Structure formats: structure tokens, C-alpha cells
Amino acid sequence: MQYTRKHPHYSDAWFKLGNIYYRTGQYPAAITAYENVLQQQPKHEKSWYNLALTRVKQAEQVLTKGEAQLGGNRRLSNLKSRIVNGIK
């Protein structure tokens, strides 16, 4: 984090930071880091992939929380299953 403050235009550092945030479940911070890379390098394929993967994980978390609050809502369970197993 300190490195990205000193070198805000070093996209490799932002990408690695995004990966760390992702692995530790800090999805909003990971999204910010990947978006920073994409502002600097719009064709950074791995950042696009990781950003999408992070948003999928966020969606999975939201659906899990909704299921718990609603006592296993079938509609949310089906959507979560489609997201986790691939939408067909």
C-alpha cells in the first residue's frame, strides 16, 4: 500500500495489491486496485478477468447473506447456483 502511494502510476503494484485484497476477501479494495490498473492500462487482460471474478465473488456473498436473512429463499439459491456453476 505504501508503495502504491509513492508510485501511483506503477500498475504492476496495483495489480499485485488487488490480488492480495482478493485473496483476503477484501473485495471492495480489490475492485479499486484493479480499476486503477485499468485506468492506466485499459487492455490489461488479467485485470479485467480479476475484476469480473471479484464482482462474481461479491454477488455470491450478497446472495448467501440474502438466503440467510430469508431462510433459504429458493429464488436467491437458484441464482447463486447459476452464478457459481455458470449461467446457462
PDB file of N, CA and C in Angstrom:
ATOM      1  N   MET A   1       0.821  -1.181   0.000  1.00  0.00           N
ATOM      2  CA  MET A   1       0.000   0.000   0.000  1.00  0.00           C
ATOM      3  C   MET A   1       0.873   1.257   0.000  1.00  0.00           C
ATOM      4  N   GLN A   2       1.910   1.248   0.794  1.00  0.00           N
ATOM      5  CA  GLN A   2       2.806   2.403   0.825  1.00  0.00           C
ATOM      6  C   GLN A   2       3.486   2.590  -0.527  1.00  0.00           C
ATOM      7  N   TYR A   3       3.792   1.483  -1.183  1.00  0.00           N
ATOM      8  CA  TYR A   3       4.463   1.560  -2.475  1.00  0.00           C
ATOM      9  C   TYR A   3       3.563   2.222  -3.508  1.00  0.00           C
ATOM     10  N   THR A   4       2.281   1.876  -3.505  1.00  0.00           N
ATOM     11  CA  THR A   4       1.374   2.480  -4.473  1.00  0.00           C
ATOM     12  C   THR A   4       1.149   3.961  -4.188  1.00  0.00           C
ATOM     13  N   ARG A   5       1.294   4.357  -2.944  1.00  0.00           N
ATOM     14  CA  ARG A   5       1.197   5.791  -2.627  1.00  0.00           C
ATOM     15  C   ARG A   5       2.390   6.555  -3.205  1.00  0.00           C
ATOM     16  N   LYS A   6       3.563   5.947  -3.096  1.00  0.00           N
ATOM     17  CA  LYS A   6       4.774   6.598  -3.606  1.00  0.00           C
ATOM     18  C   LYS A   6       4.861   6.507  -5.131  1.00  0.00           C
ATOM     19  N   HIS A   7       4.286   5.442  -5.688  1.00  0.00           N
ATOM     20  CA  HIS A   7       4.360   5.187  -7.139  1.00  0.00           C
ATOM     21  C   HIS A   7       2.949   4.914  -7.676  1.00  0.00           C
ATOM     22  N   PRO A   8       2.094   5.909  -7.693  1.00  0.00           N
ATOM     23  CA  PRO A   8       0.693   5.688  -8.070  1.00  0.00           C
ATOM     24  C   PRO A   8       0.483   5.241  -9.520  1.00  0.00           C
ATOM     25  N   HIS A   9       1.490   5.404 -10.360  1.00  0.00           N
ATOM     26  CA  HIS A   9       1.344   5.034 -11.765  1.00  0.00           C
ATOM     27  C   HIS A   9       2.024   3.706 -12.097  1.00  0.00           C
ATOM     28  N   TYR A  10       2.438   2.978 -11.086  1.00  0.00           N
ATOM     29  CA  TYR A  10       3.059   1.666 -11.300  1.00  0.00           C
ATOM     30  C   TYR A  10       1.959   0.613 -11.226  1.00  0.00           C
ATOM     31  N   SER A  11       1.415   0.285 -12.382  1.00  0.00           N
ATOM     32  CA  SER A  11       0.232  -0.582 -12.431  1.00  0.00           C
ATOM     33  C   SER A  11       0.497  -1.998 -11.932  1.00  0.00           C
ATOM     34  N   ASP A  12       1.719  -2.504 -12.072  1.00  0.00           N
ATOM     35  CA  ASP A  12       2.014  -3.849 -11.556  1.00  0.00           C
ATOM     36  C   ASP A  12       1.800  -3.921 -10.044  1.00  0.00           C
ATOM     37  N   ALA A  13       2.160  -2.855  -9.355  1.00  0.00           N
ATOM     38  CA  ALA A  13       1.956  -2.831  -7.901  1.00  0.00           C
ATOM     39  C   ALA A  13       0.469  -2.834  -7.569  1.00  0.00           C
ATOM     40  N   TRP A  14      -0.315  -2.073  -8.324  1.00  0.00           N
ATOM     41  CA  TRP A  14      -1.760  -2.054  -8.099  1.00  0.00           C
ATOM     42  C   TRP A  14      -2.369  -3.429  -8.368  1.00  0.00           C
ATOM     43  N   PHE A  15      -1.890  -4.079  -9.417  1.00  0.00           N
ATOM     44  CA  PHE A  15      -2.406  -5.407  -9.749  1.00  0.00           C
ATOM     45  C   PHE A  15      -2.103  -6.403  -8.633  1.00  0.00           C
ATOM     46  N   LYS A  16      -0.877  -6.394  -8.154  1.00  0.00           N
ATOM     47  CA  LYS A  16      -0.499  -7.309  -7.068  1.00  0.00           C
ATOM     48  C   LYS A  16      -1.269  -6.988  -5.794  1.00  0.00           C
ATOM     49  N   LEU A  17      -1.475  -5.726  -5.533  1.00  0.00           N
ATOM     50  CA  LEU A  17      -2.263  -5.329  -4.364  1.00  0.00           C
ATOM     51  C   LEU A  17      -3.706  -5.822  -4.502  1.00  0.00           C
ATOM     52  N   GLY A  18      -4.252  -5.693  -5.696  1.00  0.00           N
ATOM     53  CA  GLY A  18      -5.592  -6.219  -5.945  1.00  0.00           C
ATOM     54  C   GLY A  18      -5.675  -7.706  -5.672  1.00  0.00           C
ATOM     55  N   ASN A  19      -4.656  -8.442  -6.076  1.00  0.00           N
ATOM     56  CA  ASN A  19      -4.623  -9.884  -5.830  1.00  0.00           C
ATOM     57  C   ASN A  19      -4.580 -10.201  -4.338  1.00  0.00           C
ATOM     58  N   ILE A  20      -3.817  -9.434  -3.602  1.00  0.00           N
ATOM     59  CA  ILE A  20      -3.748  -9.632  -2.151  1.00  0.00           C
ATOM     60  C   ILE A  20      -5.105  -9.364  -1.520  1.00  0.00           C
ATOM     61  N   TYR A  21      -5.723  -8.263  -1.914  1.00  0.00           N
ATOM     62  CA  TYR A  21      -7.051  -7.945  -1.383  1.00  0.00           C
ATOM     63  C   TYR A  21      -8.065  -9.036  -1.743  1.00  0.00           C
ATOM     64  N   TYR A  22      -7.997  -9.522  -2.953  1.00  0.00           N
ATOM     65  CA  TYR A  22      -8.925 -10.579  -3.371  1.00  0.00           C
ATOM     66  C   TYR A  22      -8.741 -11.830  -2.504  1.00  0.00           C
ATOM     67  N   ARG A  23      -7.502 -12.257  -2.362  1.00  0.00           N
ATOM     68  CA  ARG A  23      -7.226 -13.483  -1.596  1.00  0.00           C
ATOM     69  C   ARG A  23      -7.632 -13.371  -0.130  1.00  0.00           C
ATOM     70  N   THR A  24      -7.661 -12.144   0.384  1.00  0.00           N
ATOM     71  CA  THR A  24      -8.033 -11.947   1.788  1.00  0.00           C
ATOM     72  C   THR A  24      -9.505 -11.546   1.941  1.00  0.00           C
ATOM     73  N   GLY A  25     -10.252 -11.618   0.842  1.00  0.00           N
ATOM     74  CA  GLY A  25     -11.689 -11.353   0.908  1.00  0.00           C
ATOM     75  C   GLY A  25     -12.058  -9.878   1.019  1.00  0.00           C
ATOM     76  N   GLN A  26     -11.114  -9.010   0.734  1.00  0.00           N
ATOM     77  CA  GLN A  26     -11.370  -7.565   0.782  1.00  0.00           C
ATOM     78  C   GLN A  26     -11.766  -7.096  -0.621  1.00  0.00           C
ATOM     79  N   TYR A  27     -12.970  -7.491  -1.028  1.00  0.00           N
ATOM     80  CA  TYR A  27     -13.387  -7.302  -2.407  1.00  0.00           C
ATOM     81  C   TYR A  27     -13.516  -5.838  -2.842  1.00  0.00           C
ATOM     82  N   PRO A  28     -14.083  -4.946  -2.034  1.00  0.00           N
ATOM     83  CA  PRO A  28     -14.141  -3.549  -2.481  1.00  0.00           C
ATOM     84  C   PRO A  28     -12.744  -2.956  -2.740  1.00  0.00           C
ATOM     85  N   ALA A  29     -11.793  -3.294  -1.892  1.00  0.00           N
ATOM     86  CA  ALA A  29     -10.427  -2.795  -2.081  1.00  0.00           C
ATOM     87  C   ALA A  29      -9.788  -3.420  -3.327  1.00  0.00           C
ATOM     88  N   ALA A  30     -10.061  -4.686  -3.568  1.00  0.00           N
ATOM     89  CA  ALA A  30      -9.536  -5.354  -4.767  1.00  0.00           C
ATOM     90  C   ALA A  30     -10.095  -4.692  -6.021  1.00  0.00           C
ATOM     91  N   ILE A  31     -11.384  -4.393  -6.010  1.00  0.00           N
ATOM     92  CA  ILE A  31     -12.006  -3.739  -7.159  1.00  0.00           C
ATOM     93  C   ILE A  31     -11.345  -2.392  -7.432  1.00  0.00           C
ATOM     94  N   THR A  32     -11.112  -1.630  -6.383  1.00  0.00           N
ATOM     95  CA  THR A  32     -10.455  -0.330  -6.541  1.00  0.00           C
ATOM     96  C   THR A  32      -9.072  -0.495  -7.155  1.00  0.00           C
ATOM     97  N   ALA A  33      -8.330  -1.477  -6.698  1.00  0.00           N
ATOM     98  CA  ALA A  33      -6.980  -1.699  -7.214  1.00  0.00           C
ATOM     99  C   ALA A  33      -7.014  -2.108  -8.685  1.00  0.00           C
ATOM    100  N   TYR A  34      -7.894  -3.056  -9.052  1.00  0.00           N
ATOM    101  CA  TYR A  34      -7.981  -3.486 -10.451  1.00  0.00           C
ATOM    102  C   TYR A  34      -8.453  -2.346 -11.348  1.00  0.00           C
ATOM    103  N   GLU A  35      -9.389  -1.551 -10.869  1.00  0.00           N
ATOM    104  CA  GLU A  35      -9.854  -0.415 -11.654  1.00  0.00           C
ATOM    105  C   GLU A  35      -8.740   0.613 -11.855  1.00  0.00           C
ATOM    106  N   ASN A  36      -7.877   0.744 -10.869  1.00  0.00           N
ATOM    107  CA  ASN A  36      -6.739   1.645 -11.009  1.00  0.00           C
ATOM    108  C   ASN A  36      -5.815   1.163 -12.124  1.00  0.00           C
ATOM    109  N   VAL A  37      -5.571  -0.137 -12.156  1.00  0.00           N
ATOM    110  CA  VAL A  37      -4.741  -0.692 -13.234  1.00  0.00           C
ATOM    111  C   VAL A  37      -5.390  -0.391 -14.586  1.00  0.00           C
ATOM    112  N   LEU A  38      -6.694  -0.599 -14.674  1.00  0.00           N
ATOM    113  CA  LEU A  38      -7.389  -0.436 -15.950  1.00  0.00           C
ATOM    114  C   LEU A  38      -7.463   1.017 -16.402  1.00  0.00           C
ATOM    115  N   GLN A  39      -7.417   1.938 -15.470  1.00  0.00           N
ATOM    116  CA  GLN A  39      -7.348   3.349 -15.857  1.00  0.00           C
ATOM    117  C   GLN A  39      -6.018   3.645 -16.544  1.00  0.00           C
ATOM    118  N   GLN A  40      -4.981   2.974 -16.082  1.00  0.00           N
ATOM    119  CA  GLN A  40      -3.649   3.191 -16.628  1.00  0.00           C
ATOM    120  C   GLN A  40      -3.394   2.335 -17.876  1.00  0.00           C
ATOM    121  N   GLN A  41      -3.935   1.108 -17.842  1.00  0.00           N
ATOM    122  CA  GLN A  41      -3.719   0.153 -18.931  1.00  0.00           C
ATOM    123  C   GLN A  41      -5.053  -0.507 -19.281  1.00  0.00           C
ATOM    124  N   PRO A  42      -5.869   0.136 -20.105  1.00  0.00           N
ATOM    125  CA  PRO A  42      -7.199  -0.396 -20.408  1.00  0.00           C
ATOM    126  C   PRO A  42      -7.204  -1.783 -21.057  1.00  0.00           C
ATOM    127  N   LYS A  43      -6.081  -2.220 -21.588  1.00  0.00           N
ATOM    128  CA  LYS A  43      -6.024  -3.539 -22.226  1.00  0.00           C
ATOM    129  C   LYS A  43      -5.357  -4.602 -21.347  1.00  0.00           C
ATOM    130  N   HIS A  44      -5.272  -4.343 -20.057  1.00  0.00           N
ATOM    131  CA  HIS A  44      -4.653  -5.287 -19.121  1.00  0.00           C
ATOM    132  C   HIS A  44      -5.639  -6.435 -18.870  1.00  0.00           C
ATOM    133  N   GLU A  45      -5.478  -7.480 -19.653  1.00  0.00           N
ATOM    134  CA  GLU A  45      -6.430  -8.598 -19.670  1.00  0.00           C
ATOM    135  C   GLU A  45      -6.635  -9.237 -18.295  1.00  0.00           C
ATOM    136  N   LYS A  46      -5.569  -9.456 -17.569  1.00  0.00           N
ATOM    137  CA  LYS A  46      -5.685 -10.100 -16.256  1.00  0.00           C
ATOM    138  C   LYS A  46      -6.480  -9.250 -15.279  1.00  0.00           C
ATOM    139  N   SER A  47      -6.362  -7.938 -15.390  1.00  0.00           N
ATOM    140  CA  SER A  47      -7.132  -7.064 -14.505  1.00  0.00           C
ATOM    141  C   SER A  47      -8.620  -7.146 -14.822  1.00  0.00           C
ATOM    142  N   TRP A  48      -8.968  -7.195 -16.111  1.00  0.00           N
ATOM    143  CA  TRP A  48     -10.380  -7.355 -16.482  1.00  0.00           C
ATOM    144  C   TRP A  48     -10.933  -8.660 -15.915  1.00  0.00           C
ATOM    145  N   TYR A  49     -10.156  -9.727 -16.072  1.00  0.00           N
ATOM    146  CA  TYR A  49     -10.583 -11.038 -15.576  1.00  0.00           C
ATOM    147  C   TYR A  49     -10.750 -11.011 -14.054  1.00  0.00           C
ATOM    148  N   ASN A  50      -9.746 -10.495 -13.356  1.00  0.00           N
ATOM    149  CA  ASN A  50      -9.798 -10.478 -11.895  1.00  0.00           C
ATOM    150  C   ASN A  50     -10.889  -9.552 -11.365  1.00  0.00           C
ATOM    151  N   LEU A  51     -11.125  -8.452 -12.052  1.00  0.00           N
ATOM    152  CA  LEU A  51     -12.207  -7.555 -11.664  1.00  0.00           C
ATOM    153  C   LEU A  51     -13.548  -8.271 -11.777  1.00  0.00           C
ATOM    154  N   ALA A  52     -13.763  -8.962 -12.885  1.00  0.00           N
ATOM    155  CA  ALA A  52     -15.002  -9.710 -13.065  1.00  0.00           C
ATOM    156  C   ALA A  52     -15.138 -10.813 -12.014  1.00  0.00           C
ATOM    157  N   LEU A  53     -14.065 -11.531 -11.758  1.00  0.00           N
ATOM    158  CA  LEU A  53     -14.087 -12.600 -10.762  1.00  0.00           C
ATOM    159  C   LEU A  53     -14.407 -12.046  -9.377  1.00  0.00           C
ATOM    160  N   THR A  54     -13.853 -10.905  -9.059  1.00  0.00           N
ATOM    161  CA  THR A  54     -14.107 -10.274  -7.764  1.00  0.00           C
ATOM    162  C   THR A  54     -15.580  -9.887  -7.639  1.00  0.00           C
ATOM    163  N   ARG A  55     -16.140  -9.346  -8.699  1.00  0.00           N
ATOM    164  CA  ARG A  55     -17.560  -8.969  -8.666  1.00  0.00           C
ATOM    165  C   ARG A  55     -18.460 -10.203  -8.559  1.00  0.00           C
ATOM    166  N   VAL A  56     -18.061 -11.305  -9.156  1.00  0.00           N
ATOM    167  CA  VAL A  56     -18.806 -12.556  -9.011  1.00  0.00           C
ATOM    168  C   VAL A  56     -18.773 -13.018  -7.557  1.00  0.00           C
ATOM    169  N   LYS A  57     -17.612 -12.925  -6.933  1.00  0.00           N
ATOM    170  CA  LYS A  57     -17.498 -13.296  -5.515  1.00  0.00           C
ATOM    171  C   LYS A  57     -18.369 -12.402  -4.645  1.00  0.00           C
ATOM    172  N   GLN A  58     -18.410 -11.111  -4.964  1.00  0.00           N
ATOM    173  CA  GLN A  58     -19.282 -10.192  -4.229  1.00  0.00           C
ATOM    174  C   GLN A  58     -20.743 -10.619  -4.389  1.00  0.00           C
ATOM    175  N   ALA A  59     -21.139 -10.943  -5.598  1.00  0.00           N
ATOM    176  CA  ALA A  59     -22.519 -11.369  -5.848  1.00  0.00           C
ATOM    177  C   ALA A  59     -22.840 -12.629  -5.053  1.00  0.00           C
ATOM    178  N   GLU A  60     -21.909 -13.551  -5.017  1.00  0.00           N
ATOM    179  CA  GLU A  60     -22.096 -14.784  -4.246  1.00  0.00           C
ATOM    180  C   GLU A  60     -22.297 -14.467  -2.763  1.00  0.00           C
ATOM    181  N   GLN A  61     -21.504 -13.537  -2.235  1.00  0.00           N
ATOM    182  CA  GLN A  61     -21.653 -13.136  -0.828  1.00  0.00           C
ATOM    183  C   GLN A  61     -23.023 -12.513  -0.563  1.00  0.00           C
ATOM    184  N   VAL A  62     -23.457 -11.640  -1.462  1.00  0.00           N
ATOM    185  CA  VAL A  62     -24.756 -10.982  -1.298  1.00  0.00           C
ATOM    186  C   VAL A  62     -25.878 -12.019  -1.303  1.00  0.00           C
ATOM    187  N   LEU A  63     -25.798 -12.954  -2.218  1.00  0.00           N
ATOM    188  CA  LEU A  63     -26.838 -13.975  -2.307  1.00  0.00           C
ATOM    189  C   LEU A  63     -26.839 -14.890  -1.078  1.00  0.00           C
ATOM    190  N   THR A  64     -25.669 -15.232  -0.577  1.00  0.00           N
ATOM    191  CA  THR A  64     -25.574 -16.058   0.627  1.00  0.00           C
ATOM    192  C   THR A  64     -26.193 -15.327   1.815  1.00  0.00           C
ATOM    193  N   LYS A  65     -25.888 -14.057   1.937  1.00  0.00           N
ATOM    194  CA  LYS A  65     -26.449 -13.256   3.029  1.00  0.00           C
ATOM    195  C   LYS A  65     -27.969 -13.150   2.885  1.00  0.00           C
ATOM    196  N   GLY A  66     -28.445 -12.925   1.670  1.00  0.00           N
ATOM    197  CA  GLY A  66     -29.882 -12.848   1.429  1.00  0.00           C
ATOM    198  C   GLY A  66     -30.582 -14.149   1.756  1.00  0.00           C
ATOM    199  N   GLU A  67     -29.963 -15.266   1.376  1.00  0.00           N
ATOM    200  CA  GLU A  67     -30.532 -16.581   1.699  1.00  0.00           C
ATOM    201  C   GLU A  67     -30.669 -16.752   3.206  1.00  0.00           C
ATOM    202  N   ALA A  68     -29.644 -16.365   3.933  1.00  0.00           N
ATOM    203  CA  ALA A  68     -29.666 -16.498   5.391  1.00  0.00           C
ATOM    204  C   ALA A  68     -30.761 -15.621   5.999  1.00  0.00           C
ATOM    205  N   GLN A  69     -30.891 -14.405   5.496  1.00  0.00           N
ATOM    206  CA  GLN A  69     -31.902 -13.493   6.035  1.00  0.00           C
ATOM    207  C   GLN A  69     -33.327 -13.964   5.719  1.00  0.00           C
ATOM    208  N   LEU A  70     -33.488 -14.598   4.576  1.00  0.00           N
ATOM    209  CA  LEU A  70     -34.825 -15.006   4.131  1.00  0.00           C
ATOM    210  C   LEU A  70     -35.127 -16.478   4.379  1.00  0.00           C
ATOM    211  N   GLY A  71     -34.234 -17.137   5.088  1.00  0.00           N
ATOM    212  CA  GLY A  71     -34.481 -18.540   5.419  1.00  0.00           C
ATOM    213  C   GLY A  71     -34.393 -19.472   4.225  1.00  0.00           C
ATOM    214  N   GLY A  72     -33.390 -19.288   3.403  1.00  0.00           N
ATOM    215  CA  GLY A  72     -33.166 -20.201   2.278  1.00  0.00           C
ATOM    216  C   GLY A  72     -34.067 -19.934   1.094  1.00  0.00           C
ATOM    217  N   ASN A  73     -34.212 -18.711   0.714  1.00  0.00           N
ATOM    218  CA  ASN A  73     -35.048 -18.305  -0.412  1.00  0.00           C
ATOM    219  C   ASN A  73     -34.648 -19.050  -1.687  1.00  0.00           C
ATOM    220  N   ARG A  74     -35.609 -19.724  -2.296  1.00  0.00           N
ATOM    221  CA  ARG A  74     -35.346 -20.556  -3.472  1.00  0.00           C
ATOM    222  C   ARG A  74     -34.844 -19.727  -4.662  1.00  0.00           C
ATOM    223  N   ARG A  75     -35.427 -18.576  -4.857  1.00  0.00           N
ATOM    224  CA  ARG A  75     -35.028 -17.730  -5.985  1.00  0.00           C
ATOM    225  C   ARG A  75     -33.563 -17.305  -5.849  1.00  0.00           C
ATOM    226  N   LEU A  76     -33.178 -16.875  -4.646  1.00  0.00           N
ATOM    227  CA  LEU A  76     -31.784 -16.490  -4.426  1.00  0.00           C
ATOM    228  C   LEU A  76     -30.855 -17.694  -4.546  1.00  0.00           C
ATOM    229  N   SER A  77     -31.284 -18.834  -4.019  1.00  0.00           N
ATOM    230  CA  SER A  77     -30.476 -20.055  -4.102  1.00  0.00           C
ATOM    231  C   SER A  77     -30.238 -20.454  -5.558  1.00  0.00           C
ATOM    232  N   ASN A  78     -31.282 -20.346  -6.374  1.00  0.00           N
ATOM    233  CA  ASN A  78     -31.141 -20.691  -7.794  1.00  0.00           C
ATOM    234  C   ASN A  78     -30.174 -19.751  -8.504  1.00  0.00           C
ATOM    235  N   LEU A  79     -30.300 -18.468  -8.218  1.00  0.00           N
ATOM    236  CA  LEU A  79     -29.400 -17.504  -8.847  1.00  0.00           C
ATOM    237  C   LEU A  79     -27.964 -17.744  -8.415  1.00  0.00           C
ATOM    238  N   LYS A  80     -27.767 -17.987  -7.129  1.00  0.00           N
ATOM    239  CA  LYS A  80     -26.416 -18.258  -6.624  1.00  0.00           C
ATOM    240  C   LYS A  80     -25.837 -19.498  -7.300  1.00  0.00           C
ATOM    241  N   SER A  81     -26.635 -20.520  -7.432  1.00  0.00           N
ATOM    242  CA  SER A  81     -26.186 -21.741  -8.091  1.00  0.00           C
ATOM    243  C   SER A  81     -25.798 -21.476  -9.540  1.00  0.00           C
ATOM    244  N   ARG A  82     -26.591 -20.662 -10.221  1.00  0.00           N
ATOM    245  CA  ARG A  82     -26.277 -20.328 -11.613  1.00  0.00           C
ATOM    246  C   ARG A  82     -24.974 -19.549 -11.701  1.00  0.00           C
ATOM    247  N   ILE A  83     -24.745 -18.658 -10.775  1.00  0.00           N
ATOM    248  CA  ILE A  83     -23.519 -17.867 -10.794  1.00  0.00           C
ATOM    249  C   ILE A  83     -22.308 -18.729 -10.464  1.00  0.00           C
ATOM    250  N   VAL A  84     -22.431 -19.540  -9.443  1.00  0.00           N
ATOM    251  CA  VAL A  84     -21.301 -20.366  -9.002  1.00  0.00           C
ATOM    252  C   VAL A  84     -20.985 -21.454 -10.027  1.00  0.00           C
ATOM    253  N   ASN A  85     -22.007 -22.037 -10.603  1.00  0.00           N
ATOM    254  CA  ASN A  85     -21.821 -23.161 -11.534  1.00  0.00           C
ATOM    255  C   ASN A  85     -21.805 -22.740 -12.998  1.00  0.00           C
ATOM    256  N   GLY A  86     -21.990 -21.486 -13.256  1.00  0.00           N
ATOM    257  CA  GLY A  86     -22.001 -20.984 -14.624  1.00  0.00           C
ATOM    258  C   GLY A  86     -23.423 -20.807 -15.131  1.00  0.00           C
ATOM    259  N   ILE A  87     -23.737 -19.623 -15.580  1.00  0.00           N
ATOM    260  CA  ILE A  87     -25.075 -19.339 -16.090  1.00  0.00           C
ATOM    261  C   ILE A  87     -25.246 -20.014 -17.431  1.00  0.00           C
ATOM    262  N   LYS A  88     -26.356 -20.729 -17.565  1.00  0.00           N
ATOM    263  CA  LYS A  88     -26.639 -21.469 -18.813  1.00  0.00           C
ATOM    264  C   LYS A  88     -27.938 -21.015 -19.408  1.00  0.00           C
TER     265      LYS A  88
END
